[in-house]
Amino acid sequence: MTYRVLFSEAAAQDLEQLFDFALQRELESETGDLDNPDRAVQAIKNGIGFLTVSPFACRKVGDSSFIRELIIPFGSTGYVALFEIVDNGTVIIGAIRHQREDDYH
């Protein structure tokens, strides 16, 4: 079975904000790598691709079996995608945060 993965409006904005933050950080660094923000977004997209085949393999959040989070490694940290399995063929990404953030629940 293959799941269709959709982004909520909030998750799409999260992705843009993560890119902007990474770009700004690289621009302000003496050794900035302007390809790094693109690599970060690609790592997130690749990670989310896993949800098309195995969303139930991700860890549960709270009591619901259908609300879960995906850990997406990138560099020495990574990202976390909060998602809901809404039916037998659809997953909706609700939020994407850097692993060091703590406000996405």
N, C-alpha and C. Protein backbone atom coordinates (compact mmCIF):
# COMPACT_ATOMS: atom_id res chain seq x y z
N MET A 1 0.84 -1.18 0.00
CA MET A 1 0.00 0.00 0.00
C MET A 1 0.88 1.25 0.00
N THR A 2 0.48 2.23 -0.76
CA THR A 2 1.18 3.50 -0.81
C THR A 2 0.27 4.59 -0.26
N TYR A 3 0.84 5.42 0.59
CA TYR A 3 0.10 6.54 1.18
C TYR A 3 0.42 7.82 0.42
N ARG A 4 -0.57 8.66 0.30
CA ARG A 4 -0.39 10.00 -0.27
C ARG A 4 -0.05 10.91 0.91
N VAL A 5 1.00 11.71 0.77
CA VAL A 5 1.44 12.60 1.83
C VAL A 5 1.13 14.04 1.43
N LEU A 6 0.37 14.71 2.27
CA LEU A 6 -0.01 16.10 2.04
C LEU A 6 0.58 16.98 3.13
N PHE A 7 0.84 18.23 2.80
CA PHE A 7 1.32 19.20 3.77
C PHE A 7 0.16 20.11 4.16
N SER A 8 -0.04 20.30 5.46
CA SER A 8 -0.98 21.33 5.89
C SER A 8 -0.37 22.67 5.52
N GLU A 9 -1.19 23.71 5.54
CA GLU A 9 -0.67 25.05 5.24
C GLU A 9 0.41 25.42 6.26
N ALA A 10 0.18 25.06 7.52
CA ALA A 10 1.16 25.38 8.57
C ALA A 10 2.49 24.66 8.32
N ALA A 11 2.44 23.40 7.89
CA ALA A 11 3.67 22.65 7.63
C ALA A 11 4.42 23.22 6.43
N ALA A 12 3.68 23.66 5.41
CA ALA A 12 4.33 24.28 4.25
C ALA A 12 5.04 25.57 4.68
N GLN A 13 4.41 26.33 5.56
CA GLN A 13 5.04 27.55 6.07
C GLN A 13 6.26 27.20 6.93
N ASP A 14 6.15 26.13 7.72
CA ASP A 14 7.28 25.68 8.52
C ASP A 14 8.49 25.40 7.63
N LEU A 15 8.25 24.71 6.52
CA LEU A 15 9.34 24.36 5.61
C LEU A 15 10.01 25.62 5.06
N GLU A 16 9.21 26.60 4.70
CA GLU A 16 9.77 27.87 4.21
C GLU A 16 10.57 28.57 5.30
N GLN A 17 10.05 28.59 6.52
CA GLN A 17 10.75 29.24 7.63
C GLN A 17 12.05 28.53 7.97
N LEU A 18 12.05 27.20 7.92
CA LEU A 18 13.27 26.46 8.18
C LEU A 18 14.33 26.79 7.13
N PHE A 19 13.91 26.87 5.87
CA PHE A 19 14.84 27.23 4.80
C PHE A 19 15.39 28.64 5.04
N ASP A 20 14.50 29.59 5.32
CA ASP A 20 14.93 30.98 5.54
C ASP A 20 15.89 31.08 6.72
N PHE A 21 15.60 30.36 7.80
CA PHE A 21 16.46 30.39 8.97
C PHE A 21 17.84 29.82 8.63
N ALA A 22 17.86 28.69 7.93
CA ALA A 22 19.14 28.07 7.56
C ALA A 22 19.93 28.97 6.62
N LEU A 23 19.25 29.62 5.69
CA LEU A 23 19.93 30.53 4.76
C LEU A 23 20.52 31.72 5.52
N GLN A 24 19.74 32.31 6.41
CA GLN A 24 20.24 33.45 7.18
C GLN A 24 21.45 33.05 8.03
N ARG A 25 21.38 31.88 8.64
CA ARG A 25 22.51 31.40 9.45
C ARG A 25 23.76 31.25 8.60
N GLU A 26 23.62 30.72 7.41
CA GLU A 26 24.77 30.55 6.53
C GLU A 26 25.30 31.89 6.04
N LEU A 27 24.41 32.83 5.76
CA LEU A 27 24.85 34.16 5.30
C LEU A 27 25.62 34.90 6.39
N GLU A 28 25.28 34.65 7.63
CA GLU A 28 25.93 35.34 8.75
C GLU A 28 27.22 34.65 9.20
N SER A 29 27.45 33.45 8.72
CA SER A 29 28.63 32.69 9.11
C SER A 29 29.82 33.06 8.24
N GLU A 30 31.01 33.11 8.85
CA GLU A 30 32.23 33.40 8.08
C GLU A 30 32.53 32.28 7.09
N THR A 31 32.12 31.08 7.41
CA THR A 31 32.38 29.93 6.54
C THR A 31 31.08 29.38 5.96
N GLY A 32 30.10 30.25 5.75
CA GLY A 32 28.77 29.84 5.31
C GLY A 32 28.77 29.01 4.04
N ASP A 33 27.91 28.03 4.01
CA ASP A 33 27.73 27.16 2.86
C ASP A 33 26.31 27.38 2.34
N LEU A 34 26.18 28.12 1.26
CA LEU A 34 24.85 28.49 0.76
C LEU A 34 24.09 27.32 0.16
N ASP A 35 24.73 26.18 -0.01
CA ASP A 35 24.03 24.98 -0.47
C ASP A 35 23.37 24.23 0.69
N ASN A 36 23.78 24.55 1.91
CA ASN A 36 23.27 23.84 3.08
C ASN A 36 21.75 23.95 3.25
N PRO A 37 21.13 25.12 3.08
CA PRO A 37 19.67 25.18 3.21
C PRO A 37 18.94 24.27 2.21
N ASP A 38 19.44 24.21 0.98
CA ASP A 38 18.84 23.31 -0.01
C ASP A 38 18.99 21.85 0.40
N ARG A 39 20.16 21.50 0.94
CA ARG A 39 20.38 20.13 1.40
C ARG A 39 19.45 19.79 2.56
N ALA A 40 19.21 20.76 3.43
CA ALA A 40 18.32 20.53 4.58
C ALA A 40 16.89 20.25 4.09
N VAL A 41 16.41 21.07 3.17
CA VAL A 41 15.06 20.86 2.63
C VAL A 41 14.98 19.52 1.90
N GLN A 42 16.02 19.17 1.17
CA GLN A 42 16.02 17.87 0.47
C GLN A 42 16.02 16.72 1.47
N ALA A 43 16.75 16.84 2.57
CA ALA A 43 16.74 15.81 3.60
C ALA A 43 15.34 15.65 4.19
N ILE A 44 14.64 16.77 4.40
CA ILE A 44 13.27 16.70 4.91
C ILE A 44 12.36 16.01 3.91
N LYS A 45 12.47 16.39 2.65
CA LYS A 45 11.63 15.76 1.62
C LYS A 45 11.93 14.26 1.49
N ASN A 46 13.20 13.90 1.54
CA ASN A 46 13.55 12.48 1.47
C ASN A 46 12.99 11.72 2.67
N GLY A 47 13.11 12.31 3.85
CA GLY A 47 12.58 11.68 5.06
C GLY A 47 11.08 11.48 4.97
N ILE A 48 10.39 12.50 4.50
CA ILE A 48 8.94 12.42 4.39
C ILE A 48 8.53 11.37 3.37
N GLY A 49 9.38 11.11 2.41
CA GLY A 49 9.11 10.05 1.44
C GLY A 49 8.90 8.69 2.10
N PHE A 50 9.52 8.49 3.25
CA PHE A 50 9.35 7.24 4.00
C PHE A 50 7.89 7.04 4.39
N LEU A 51 7.17 8.14 4.61
CA LEU A 51 5.78 8.04 5.03
C LEU A 51 4.87 7.48 3.95
N THR A 52 5.31 7.51 2.71
CA THR A 52 4.48 6.95 1.64
C THR A 52 4.35 5.43 1.74
N VAL A 53 5.28 4.81 2.46
CA VAL A 53 5.23 3.35 2.56
C VAL A 53 5.08 2.82 3.99
N SER A 54 5.53 3.58 4.99
CA SER A 54 5.52 3.03 6.36
C SER A 54 5.21 4.06 7.44
N PRO A 55 4.09 4.76 7.37
CA PRO A 55 3.84 5.77 8.40
C PRO A 55 3.65 5.17 9.80
N PHE A 56 3.16 3.95 9.88
CA PHE A 56 2.94 3.33 11.19
C PHE A 56 4.24 2.90 11.86
N ALA A 57 5.36 2.96 11.14
CA ALA A 57 6.66 2.62 11.73
C ALA A 57 7.22 3.75 12.58
N CYS A 58 6.64 4.94 12.46
CA CYS A 58 7.11 6.10 13.23
C CYS A 58 6.51 6.08 14.63
N ARG A 59 7.16 6.79 15.54
CA ARG A 59 6.71 6.73 16.93
C ARG A 59 5.43 7.54 17.15
N LYS A 60 4.60 6.98 18.03
CA LYS A 60 3.32 7.62 18.37
C LYS A 60 3.56 8.85 19.22
N VAL A 61 2.62 9.78 19.11
CA VAL A 61 2.61 10.97 19.96
C VAL A 61 1.31 10.91 20.76
N GLY A 62 1.43 10.80 22.06
CA GLY A 62 0.23 10.74 22.90
C GLY A 62 -0.46 9.40 22.79
N ASP A 63 -1.77 9.41 23.02
CA ASP A 63 -2.54 8.17 23.08
C ASP A 63 -3.04 7.69 21.72
N SER A 64 -3.08 8.56 20.74
CA SER A 64 -3.62 8.17 19.44
C SER A 64 -2.61 7.34 18.65
N SER A 65 -3.10 6.31 18.01
CA SER A 65 -2.25 5.51 17.13
C SER A 65 -2.03 6.18 15.78
N PHE A 66 -2.75 7.26 15.54
CA PHE A 66 -2.73 7.89 14.22
C PHE A 66 -1.95 9.20 14.18
N ILE A 67 -1.56 9.72 15.32
CA ILE A 67 -0.73 10.92 15.37
C ILE A 67 0.67 10.47 15.73
N ARG A 68 1.61 10.79 14.86
CA ARG A 68 2.96 10.27 15.01
C ARG A 68 3.98 11.32 14.62
N GLU A 69 5.25 11.01 14.89
CA GLU A 69 6.31 11.92 14.48
C GLU A 69 7.43 11.14 13.82
N LEU A 70 8.01 11.79 12.84
CA LEU A 70 9.10 11.23 12.06
C LEU A 70 10.36 12.02 12.37
N ILE A 71 11.41 11.32 12.77
CA ILE A 71 12.71 11.95 13.00
C ILE A 71 13.47 11.94 11.68
N ILE A 72 13.97 13.11 11.28
CA ILE A 72 14.67 13.26 10.01
C ILE A 72 16.09 13.73 10.31
N PRO A 73 17.07 12.84 10.22
CA PRO A 73 18.45 13.25 10.52
C PRO A 73 18.98 14.24 9.48
N PHE A 74 19.77 15.20 9.99
CA PHE A 74 20.48 16.12 9.10
C PHE A 74 21.63 16.71 9.90
N GLY A 75 22.83 16.48 9.42
CA GLY A 75 24.01 16.97 10.13
C GLY A 75 24.09 16.35 11.51
N SER A 76 24.44 17.16 12.51
CA SER A 76 24.57 16.64 13.87
C SER A 76 23.24 16.64 14.61
N THR A 77 22.17 17.17 14.01
CA THR A 77 20.85 17.16 14.62
C THR A 77 19.85 16.67 13.59
N GLY A 78 18.86 17.47 13.28
CA GLY A 78 17.88 17.09 12.28
C GLY A 78 16.55 17.77 12.52
N TYR A 79 15.51 17.16 12.02
CA TYR A 79 14.17 17.73 12.05
C TYR A 79 13.18 16.69 12.55
N VAL A 80 12.01 17.19 12.95
CA VAL A 80 10.92 16.32 13.39
C VAL A 80 9.67 16.75 12.64
N ALA A 81 8.99 15.79 12.02
CA ALA A 81 7.74 16.07 11.33
C ALA A 81 6.60 15.42 12.12
N LEU A 82 5.64 16.23 12.52
CA LEU A 82 4.45 15.74 13.19
C LEU A 82 3.41 15.48 12.12
N PHE A 83 2.80 14.30 12.15
CA PHE A 83 1.84 13.97 11.10
C PHE A 83 0.69 13.14 11.65
N GLU A 84 -0.38 13.10 10.85
CA GLU A 84 -1.54 12.29 11.19
C GLU A 84 -1.87 11.37 10.03
N ILE A 85 -2.13 10.13 10.35
CA ILE A 85 -2.61 9.17 9.35
C ILE A 85 -4.13 9.32 9.38
N VAL A 86 -4.69 9.92 8.33
CA VAL A 86 -6.12 10.27 8.37
C VAL A 86 -7.03 9.19 7.81
N ASP A 87 -6.51 8.34 6.95
CA ASP A 87 -7.28 7.20 6.47
C ASP A 87 -6.31 6.18 5.91
N ASN A 88 -6.82 5.15 5.26
CA ASN A 88 -5.94 4.07 4.80
C ASN A 88 -5.09 4.42 3.59
N GLY A 89 -5.08 5.68 3.20
CA GLY A 89 -4.25 6.07 2.07
C GLY A 89 -3.70 7.47 2.14
N THR A 90 -3.92 8.18 3.28
CA THR A 90 -3.52 9.59 3.34
C THR A 90 -2.84 9.92 4.66
N VAL A 91 -1.75 10.65 4.55
CA VAL A 91 -1.01 11.17 5.70
C VAL A 91 -0.94 12.68 5.51
N ILE A 92 -1.19 13.43 6.59
CA ILE A 92 -1.08 14.88 6.54
C ILE A 92 0.00 15.33 7.50
N ILE A 93 0.99 16.06 6.97
CA ILE A 93 2.04 16.64 7.79
C ILE A 93 1.45 17.89 8.45
N GLY A 94 1.50 17.94 9.77
CA GLY A 94 0.93 19.07 10.49
C GLY A 94 1.95 20.12 10.87
N ALA A 95 3.20 19.70 11.09
CA ALA A 95 4.25 20.64 11.50
C ALA A 95 5.60 20.01 11.24
N ILE A 96 6.58 20.86 10.99
CA ILE A 96 7.97 20.43 10.84
C ILE A 96 8.82 21.39 11.65
N ARG A 97 9.65 20.84 12.52
CA ARG A 97 10.49 21.67 13.36
C ARG A 97 11.91 21.12 13.39
N HIS A 98 12.83 21.99 13.72
CA HIS A 98 14.19 21.56 14.00
C HIS A 98 14.15 20.78 15.31
N GLN A 99 14.98 19.77 15.46
CA GLN A 99 14.94 18.94 16.66
C GLN A 99 15.21 19.72 17.94
N ARG A 100 15.86 20.84 17.85
CA ARG A 100 16.13 21.62 19.05
C ARG A 100 15.00 22.55 19.44
N GLU A 101 13.98 22.64 18.60
CA GLU A 101 12.79 23.41 18.97
C GLU A 101 11.89 22.54 19.82
N ASP A 102 11.04 23.17 20.62
CA ASP A 102 10.20 22.36 21.50
C ASP A 102 8.73 22.79 21.46
N ASP A 103 8.31 23.49 20.42
CA ASP A 103 6.96 24.05 20.44
C ASP A 103 6.03 23.53 19.35
N TYR A 104 6.29 22.36 18.81
CA TYR A 104 5.47 21.95 17.68
C TYR A 104 4.28 21.09 18.05
N HIS A 105 4.17 20.62 19.27
CA HIS A 105 3.02 19.78 19.68
C HIS A 105 1.80 20.62 19.87
